[in-house]
Amino acid sequence: MTQSPQTPEPKGQVSDAVKGNWVDHLAPQWSRPYLRLSRADRPIGTWLLLLPCWWGLLLASASTGRFGFYDAWIMLGSAMGAWLMRGAGCTWNDITDRDFDAAVERTRSRPIPSGQVTVRGAAIWMGLQALISLGILLTFNKAAILLGFASAIPVLVYPFAKRFTWWPQVFLGIAFNWGALLAWTAHTGSLGAPAVALYLSGMAWTLFYDTIYAYQDTEDDALIGVKSTARLFGARPLPWLRAFLILTVVLMALAFILALLPLNDLLILVLALGGAWFLGWHLAWQMRVLDIDDWKVCMHLFRSNRNAGLIPVLFLAAAILV
């Protein structure tokens, strides 16, 4: 029996893009290289940047007992800002890492090393995304705006971290979870201890999922001298991942207790804590099926953290509604 021919891959597709993504099949041809720079064909990063924002906002709303139209805007603005700032950050990362990316099998198909976009074009695209994101930020209160400006520092530093430390995932965690601080502050008007505990929980979560992600590139990273927690932990990541899991759950539970215990409403507190508990079970499942020698398993587990991060969102939303 004659086999039907396989559909050819779209021209310029990045090797680790989601198959059948809208960028490679629906976006105008001229826009595809720039959308690939922004990782629009790989949406998991936007989710991982957005979810801590929603954690912070919903926890603040649960603690004050209110969720109004302005909060709905914070939620929507966070989503748009996460897409834009993740795109700007990834573009900056690809500009700074273009020589490294050209030497790594998984990343050499990215727009800059593959010649789809020039460095100058990437820089202009980065600036445009950052400028639109700034417009969204300016709709929040003054304290949140100041936090938003401060977030630029870890974003600028992160691409260089793997050159000087075995723990670049810490710098990613600092940048990716900033939204927990910002969204809490956008609702309450000031930074609080629950937001800081939630932020630290998100950092531990980032150490967990990005270590799994980094196992895809350990051989190439060793050849070009790039550091990561995956290379540091080697063949024994599970004790470290277990520690990151415990820190994620304990710090998130602490954030929920600090914010919600003063309400003297046991149901609200139990619902919120359920989100931290089931998030922990999701991370435990990831550890159970992890195979650090199979890049497809690592990528699948990394992407599954969208669902993991949505668990606290759902439980906090339920806590607001009761």
Protein backbone atom coordinates (compact mmCIF):
# COMPACT_ATOMS: atom_id res chain seq x y z
CA MET A 1 0.00 0.00 0.00
CA THR A 2 1.35 3.41 -0.96
CA GLN A 3 1.98 5.71 1.96
CA SER A 4 0.57 9.21 1.76
CA PRO A 5 3.33 11.83 1.62
CA GLN A 6 4.03 13.73 4.81
CA THR A 7 3.10 17.38 4.92
CA PRO A 8 6.33 19.39 4.63
CA GLU A 9 7.33 21.55 7.57
CA PRO A 10 6.63 25.26 7.06
CA LYS A 11 9.61 27.25 5.89
CA GLY A 12 11.59 28.73 8.76
CA GLN A 13 9.84 26.72 11.48
CA VAL A 14 11.80 26.55 14.73
CA SER A 15 12.70 23.00 15.74
CA ASP A 16 11.01 23.02 19.16
CA ALA A 17 7.89 24.94 18.09
CA VAL A 18 4.48 23.44 18.80
CA LYS A 19 3.46 21.46 15.73
CA GLY A 20 0.57 22.99 13.83
CA ASN A 21 0.94 26.33 15.64
CA TRP A 22 -0.85 29.38 14.26
CA VAL A 23 2.32 31.32 13.49
CA ASP A 24 3.66 28.79 10.99
CA HIS A 25 0.31 28.20 9.31
CA LEU A 26 -1.90 31.29 9.66
CA ALA A 27 0.25 34.37 10.31
CA PRO A 28 1.24 36.54 7.31
CA GLN A 29 4.54 35.37 5.85
CA TRP A 30 6.37 38.65 6.59
CA SER A 31 5.43 38.51 10.28
CA ARG A 32 6.46 34.93 11.02
CA PRO A 33 10.17 35.50 11.79
CA TYR A 34 9.30 38.25 14.27
CA LEU A 35 6.54 36.20 15.92
CA ARG A 36 9.01 33.33 16.20
CA LEU A 37 11.42 35.71 17.93
CA SER A 38 8.63 36.41 20.42
CA ARG A 39 8.02 32.65 20.86
CA ALA A 40 4.42 33.08 19.72
CA ASP A 41 4.78 29.60 18.23
CA ARG A 42 5.73 28.32 21.72
CA PRO A 43 3.12 29.80 24.09
CA ILE A 44 4.19 27.99 27.27
CA GLY A 45 6.58 30.79 28.24
CA THR A 46 3.79 33.36 28.14
CA TRP A 47 1.72 31.18 30.45
CA LEU A 48 4.62 30.78 32.87
CA LEU A 49 5.07 34.56 32.98
CA LEU A 50 1.33 35.24 33.26
CA LEU A 51 0.29 32.72 35.92
CA PRO A 52 2.17 34.35 38.84
CA CYS A 53 0.42 37.62 37.90
CA TRP A 54 -2.94 35.92 38.25
CA TRP A 55 -1.85 34.28 41.51
CA GLY A 56 -0.96 37.68 42.96
CA LEU A 57 -4.13 39.38 41.76
CA LEU A 58 -6.52 36.64 42.87
CA LEU A 59 -4.83 36.26 46.25
CA ALA A 60 -5.10 40.02 46.80
CA SER A 61 -8.76 39.94 45.73
CA ALA A 62 -9.51 37.03 48.07
CA SER A 63 -7.84 38.87 50.94
CA THR A 64 -9.87 42.05 50.41
CA GLY A 65 -13.12 40.39 49.40
CA ARG A 66 -13.49 42.38 46.20
CA PHE A 67 -12.98 41.80 42.49
CA GLY A 68 -14.22 44.64 40.31
CA PHE A 69 -13.90 45.98 36.79
CA TYR A 70 -10.44 47.37 37.51
CA ASP A 71 -9.33 43.93 38.65
CA ALA A 72 -10.71 42.42 35.45
CA TRP A 73 -8.55 44.96 33.59
CA ILE A 74 -5.51 43.99 35.67
CA MET A 75 -6.15 40.37 34.70
CA LEU A 76 -6.50 41.21 30.99
CA GLY A 77 -3.65 43.74 31.07
CA SER A 78 -1.41 41.15 32.71
CA ALA A 79 -2.20 38.71 29.90
CA MET A 80 -1.36 41.23 27.19
CA GLY A 81 1.69 42.45 29.07
CA ALA A 82 2.93 38.89 29.62
CA TRP A 83 2.69 38.20 25.88
CA LEU A 84 4.49 41.42 25.00
CA MET A 85 7.19 41.32 27.68
CA ARG A 86 7.86 37.65 27.17
CA GLY A 87 8.29 38.48 23.48
CA ALA A 88 10.60 41.41 24.23
CA GLY A 89 12.58 39.34 26.73
CA CYS A 90 12.96 36.43 24.33
CA THR A 91 14.05 38.80 21.57
CA TRP A 92 16.67 40.27 23.90
CA ASN A 93 17.74 36.75 24.85
CA ASP A 94 18.12 35.76 21.18
CA ILE A 95 20.14 38.89 20.41
CA THR A 96 22.59 38.23 23.24
CA ASP A 97 22.70 34.45 22.67
CA ARG A 98 22.89 34.40 18.88
CA ASP A 99 26.36 32.80 18.81
CA PHE A 100 25.42 30.21 21.43
CA ASP A 101 22.15 29.42 19.63
CA ALA A 102 24.01 28.81 16.38
CA ALA A 103 26.09 26.12 18.13
CA VAL A 104 23.18 24.22 19.72
CA GLU A 105 21.15 21.74 17.68
CA ARG A 106 17.78 22.67 19.23
CA THR A 107 18.23 26.44 18.85
CA ARG A 108 20.14 26.97 15.61
CA SER A 109 16.83 27.20 13.72
CA ARG A 110 15.82 30.32 15.67
CA PRO A 111 15.28 33.44 13.53
CA ILE A 112 18.59 35.23 14.18
CA PRO A 113 21.10 32.34 13.81
CA SER A 114 19.12 30.96 10.85
CA GLY A 115 19.25 34.35 9.11
CA GLN A 116 15.51 35.07 9.09
CA VAL A 117 15.94 38.32 11.08
CA THR A 118 18.87 40.71 11.42
CA VAL A 119 20.07 41.87 14.82
CA ARG A 120 18.95 45.41 13.97
CA GLY A 121 15.49 44.19 12.99
CA ALA A 122 15.26 42.17 16.21
CA ALA A 123 16.24 45.20 18.30
CA ILE A 124 13.52 47.33 16.69
CA TRP A 125 10.96 44.57 17.27
CA MET A 126 12.05 44.29 20.91
CA GLY A 127 11.63 48.03 21.44
CA LEU A 128 8.17 48.04 19.88
CA GLN A 129 6.93 45.26 22.16
CA ALA A 130 8.39 46.95 25.24
CA LEU A 131 6.81 50.29 24.30
CA ILE A 132 3.30 48.80 23.95
CA SER A 133 3.77 46.95 27.22
CA LEU A 134 4.73 50.24 28.89
CA GLY A 135 1.44 51.72 27.75
CA ILE A 136 -0.41 48.94 29.57
CA LEU A 137 1.70 49.33 32.70
CA LEU A 138 0.91 53.04 32.91
CA THR A 139 -2.78 52.23 33.45
CA PHE A 140 -1.96 50.71 36.88
CA ASN A 141 -1.37 52.56 40.15
CA LYS A 142 1.90 54.32 40.93
CA ALA A 143 3.36 51.59 43.14
CA ALA A 144 2.71 48.94 40.48
CA ILE A 145 4.25 51.16 37.80
CA LEU A 146 7.45 51.53 39.86
CA LEU A 147 7.61 47.75 40.29
CA GLY A 148 7.11 47.35 36.55
CA PHE A 149 10.09 49.58 35.80
CA ALA A 150 12.23 47.65 38.32
CA SER A 151 11.39 44.38 36.55
CA ALA A 152 13.52 45.47 33.58
CA ILE A 153 16.71 44.83 35.58
CA PRO A 154 16.40 41.02 35.93
CA VAL A 155 15.11 40.77 32.35
CA LEU A 156 18.27 42.49 31.06
CA VAL A 157 20.60 40.43 33.28
CA TYR A 158 19.11 36.95 32.76
CA PRO A 159 20.64 36.11 29.34
CA PHE A 160 24.13 36.64 30.77
CA ALA A 161 23.60 34.56 33.93
CA LYS A 162 24.51 31.24 32.33
CA ARG A 163 27.92 32.68 31.53
CA PHE A 164 28.91 33.25 35.17
CA THR A 165 26.77 31.01 37.42
CA TRP A 166 25.56 27.41 37.60
CA TRP A 167 22.22 28.82 38.78
CA PRO A 168 20.85 30.89 35.86
CA GLN A 169 17.41 29.49 36.72
CA VAL A 170 17.45 31.70 39.82
CA PHE A 171 17.71 34.77 37.61
CA LEU A 172 14.92 33.45 35.40
CA GLY A 173 12.79 32.96 38.52
CA ILE A 174 13.46 36.52 39.64
CA ALA A 175 12.26 37.83 36.28
CA PHE A 176 9.40 35.44 35.52
CA ASN A 177 7.60 35.73 38.86
CA TRP A 178 7.75 39.51 39.23
CA GLY A 179 4.12 39.66 38.19
CA ALA A 180 3.08 38.19 41.55
CA LEU A 181 4.42 41.33 43.22
CA LEU A 182 3.11 43.69 40.56
CA ALA A 183 -0.46 42.33 40.33
CA TRP A 184 -0.86 42.18 44.13
CA THR A 185 0.30 45.79 44.31
CA ALA A 186 -1.96 46.85 41.43
CA HIS A 187 -4.94 45.63 43.46
CA THR A 188 -3.93 46.66 46.98
CA GLY A 189 -1.84 49.76 46.29
CA SER A 190 1.19 48.52 48.23
CA LEU A 191 3.49 45.54 48.45
CA GLY A 192 2.80 43.05 51.24
CA ALA A 193 4.35 40.01 52.89
CA PRO A 194 1.92 37.55 51.24
CA ALA A 195 3.03 38.77 47.80
CA VAL A 196 6.70 38.32 48.71
CA ALA A 197 6.07 34.75 49.93
CA LEU A 198 4.11 34.03 46.75
CA TYR A 199 6.95 35.48 44.67
CA LEU A 200 9.49 33.22 46.40
CA SER A 201 7.19 30.25 45.82
CA GLY A 202 7.13 31.08 42.12
CA MET A 203 10.93 31.25 42.07
CA ALA A 204 11.13 27.74 43.53
CA TRP A 205 8.61 26.57 40.91
CA THR A 206 10.76 28.11 38.17
CA LEU A 207 13.82 26.27 39.48
CA PHE A 208 11.79 23.07 39.23
CA TYR A 209 10.44 23.41 35.70
CA ASP A 210 13.42 25.15 34.11
CA THR A 211 15.83 22.54 35.43
CA ILE A 212 13.74 19.94 33.61
CA TYR A 213 13.80 22.14 30.50
CA ALA A 214 17.59 22.55 30.69
CA TYR A 215 18.17 18.78 30.49
CA GLN A 216 17.37 19.01 26.77
CA ASP A 217 20.64 20.84 26.09
CA THR A 218 23.17 19.48 28.59
CA GLU A 219 25.51 17.96 25.99
CA ASP A 220 25.58 21.05 23.78
CA ASP A 221 25.83 23.33 26.81
CA ALA A 222 28.88 21.41 28.03
CA LEU A 223 30.57 21.78 24.64
CA ILE A 224 30.08 25.56 24.46
CA GLY A 225 30.61 26.25 28.17
CA VAL A 226 27.09 27.30 29.13
CA LYS A 227 26.13 26.65 32.77
CA SER A 228 22.79 25.42 34.14
CA THR A 229 21.31 23.62 37.11
CA ALA A 230 20.85 20.58 34.86
CA ARG A 231 24.59 20.39 34.28
CA LEU A 232 25.24 21.06 37.96
CA PHE A 233 22.90 18.29 39.19
CA GLY A 234 23.98 15.81 36.51
CA ALA A 235 22.41 12.37 36.77
CA ARG A 236 20.87 13.05 40.22
CA PRO A 237 18.28 15.82 39.82
CA LEU A 238 15.52 14.24 41.91
CA PRO A 239 16.73 15.33 45.39
CA TRP A 240 17.00 18.90 44.11
CA LEU A 241 13.64 18.79 42.33
CA ARG A 242 12.06 17.41 45.49
CA ALA A 243 13.49 20.33 47.46
CA PHE A 244 12.16 22.82 44.91
CA LEU A 245 8.73 21.12 45.07
CA ILE A 246 8.62 21.40 48.87
CA LEU A 247 9.69 25.05 48.78
CA THR A 248 7.05 25.84 46.15
CA VAL A 249 4.23 24.34 48.18
CA VAL A 250 5.35 25.57 51.61
CA LEU A 251 5.97 29.14 50.48
CA MET A 252 2.69 29.27 48.56
CA ALA A 253 0.82 27.93 51.58
CA LEU A 254 2.55 30.57 53.73
CA ALA A 255 1.43 33.29 51.31
CA PHE A 256 -2.15 32.06 51.48
CA ILE A 257 -2.11 31.87 55.28
CA LEU A 258 -0.63 35.36 55.66
CA ALA A 259 -3.22 36.84 53.30
CA LEU A 260 -6.35 34.92 54.26
CA LEU A 261 -6.06 33.91 57.92
CA PRO A 262 -7.12 37.41 59.10
CA LEU A 263 -10.47 36.87 57.33
CA ASN A 264 -11.40 34.19 59.89
CA ASP A 265 -13.11 32.21 57.13
CA LEU A 266 -11.96 28.58 57.20
CA LEU A 267 -13.57 27.65 53.88
CA ILE A 268 -11.73 30.37 51.95
CA LEU A 269 -8.42 29.39 53.53
CA VAL A 270 -8.92 25.66 52.89
CA LEU A 271 -9.87 26.29 49.26
CA ALA A 272 -6.76 28.38 48.68
CA LEU A 273 -4.49 25.86 50.40
CA GLY A 274 -6.00 23.16 48.19
CA GLY A 275 -4.46 24.96 45.22
CA ALA A 276 -0.98 24.73 46.73
CA TRP A 277 -1.54 21.08 47.69
CA PHE A 278 -2.68 19.93 44.24
CA LEU A 279 0.06 21.95 42.56
CA GLY A 280 2.49 19.92 44.65
CA TRP A 281 0.92 16.67 43.46
CA HIS A 282 1.29 17.79 39.85
CA LEU A 283 4.99 18.47 40.39
CA ALA A 284 5.34 15.08 42.10
CA TRP A 285 3.85 13.44 39.01
CA GLN A 286 6.38 15.25 36.84
CA MET A 287 9.21 13.87 38.97
CA ARG A 288 7.79 10.37 38.72
CA VAL A 289 7.73 10.27 34.90
CA LEU A 290 10.86 12.36 34.28
CA ASP A 291 13.51 10.85 32.00
CA ILE A 292 16.43 13.27 31.77
CA ASP A 293 17.84 11.38 28.78
CA ASP A 294 14.70 11.83 26.66
CA TRP A 295 14.34 15.41 25.45
CA LYS A 296 10.75 14.79 24.34
CA VAL A 297 9.75 13.80 27.87
CA CYS A 298 11.55 16.86 29.27
CA MET A 299 9.75 19.16 26.84
CA HIS A 300 6.38 17.54 27.55
CA LEU A 301 6.82 17.95 31.30
CA PHE A 302 8.03 21.52 30.94
CA ARG A 303 4.95 22.41 28.92
CA SER A 304 2.69 20.65 31.44
CA ASN A 305 3.51 23.41 33.93
CA ARG A 306 0.84 25.55 32.32
CA ASN A 307 -1.72 23.17 33.80
CA ALA A 308 0.22 22.99 37.06
CA GLY A 309 0.18 26.77 37.42
CA LEU A 310 -3.51 26.99 36.58
CA ILE A 311 -4.38 24.84 39.61
CA PRO A 312 -3.84 27.65 42.18
CA VAL A 313 -5.66 30.05 39.83
CA LEU A 314 -8.77 27.87 39.89
CA PHE A 315 -8.71 27.35 43.64
CA LEU A 316 -8.16 31.05 44.36
CA ALA A 317 -11.01 31.94 42.01
CA ALA A 318 -13.23 29.52 43.91
CA ALA A 319 -12.14 31.13 47.19
CA ILE A 320 -13.25 34.54 45.86
CA LEU A 321 -16.63 33.21 44.76
CA VAL A 322 -17.65 31.52 48.03
